[in-house]
Amino acid sequence: MLKLYTKAQARLAQLRSEEDGNAAEYGLIIAIVALGIIVGLGALALALNGMFADVASNL
C-alpha cells in the first residue's frame, strides 16, 4: 500500500513540474500576442491620425 502511495505522489509531483513549464510557455504566448496587439494598435493610430489630418486640412 505504501508503495502505491509513493508512486502516486511521485506521479503527481511529475505532473506539477510539467504544469510549471506549460505556465511559462503560456506566459510567453500571451506576451507575444500582447506585443502584436500593441504594434497593431500603434499602426492603426498612425493611420487614423493621418486620415483625420487630411480631413482637417480639407475643412
Protein backbone atom coordinates (compact mmCIF):
# COMPACT_ATOMS: atom_id res chain seq x y z
CA MET A 1 0.00 0.00 0.00
CA LEU A 2 2.83 2.37 0.87
CA LYS A 3 4.49 1.61 -2.46
CA LEU A 4 1.33 2.60 -4.36
CA TYR A 5 1.03 5.80 -2.32
CA THR A 6 4.66 6.70 -3.03
CA LYS A 7 4.18 6.08 -6.77
CA ALA A 8 1.05 8.24 -6.78
CA GLN A 9 2.90 11.07 -5.04
CA ALA A 10 5.79 10.81 -7.50
CA ARG A 11 3.39 10.95 -10.46
CA LEU A 12 1.60 13.99 -9.00
CA ALA A 13 4.91 15.75 -8.47
CA GLN A 14 5.87 15.00 -12.08
CA LEU A 15 2.58 16.42 -13.35
CA ARG A 16 3.04 19.55 -11.27
CA SER A 17 6.53 20.11 -12.65
CA GLU A 18 5.18 19.72 -16.20
CA GLU A 19 2.46 22.28 -15.47
CA ASP A 20 5.10 24.81 -14.42
CA GLY A 21 6.71 24.51 -17.84
CA ASN A 22 3.36 24.90 -19.52
CA ALA A 23 2.62 28.02 -17.49
CA ALA A 24 5.87 29.57 -18.69
CA GLU A 25 5.03 28.70 -22.28
CA TYR A 26 1.56 30.20 -21.95
CA GLY A 27 3.13 33.33 -20.46
CA LEU A 28 5.39 33.68 -23.49
CA ILE A 29 2.46 33.21 -25.86
CA ILE A 30 0.46 35.86 -24.02
CA ALA A 31 3.42 38.25 -24.15
CA ILE A 32 3.83 37.75 -27.90
CA VAL A 33 0.11 38.26 -28.53
CA ALA A 34 0.12 41.40 -26.38
CA LEU A 35 3.11 42.74 -28.31
CA GLY A 36 1.30 42.08 -31.59
CA ILE A 37 -1.78 43.91 -30.33
CA ILE A 38 0.30 46.89 -29.21
CA VAL A 39 2.09 47.09 -32.58
CA GLY A 40 -1.20 46.73 -34.46
CA LEU A 41 -2.87 49.45 -32.42
CA GLY A 42 0.12 51.73 -32.95
CA ALA A 43 -0.15 51.29 -36.71
CA LEU A 44 -3.90 51.91 -36.54
CA ALA A 45 -3.32 55.07 -34.51
CA LEU A 46 -0.88 56.40 -37.11
CA ALA A 47 -3.31 55.64 -39.95
CA LEU A 48 -6.21 57.31 -38.14
CA ASN A 49 -4.06 60.31 -37.28
CA GLY A 50 -3.17 60.76 -40.94
CA MET A 51 -6.79 60.36 -42.03
CA PHE A 52 -8.05 62.94 -39.53
CA ALA A 53 -5.24 65.32 -40.51
CA ASP A 54 -6.36 65.06 -44.15
CA VAL A 55 -9.98 65.70 -43.18
CA ALA A 56 -8.95 68.70 -41.05
CA SER A 57 -6.88 70.18 -43.87
CA ASN A 58 -9.80 69.80 -46.32
CA LEU A 59 -12.08 71.72 -43.99
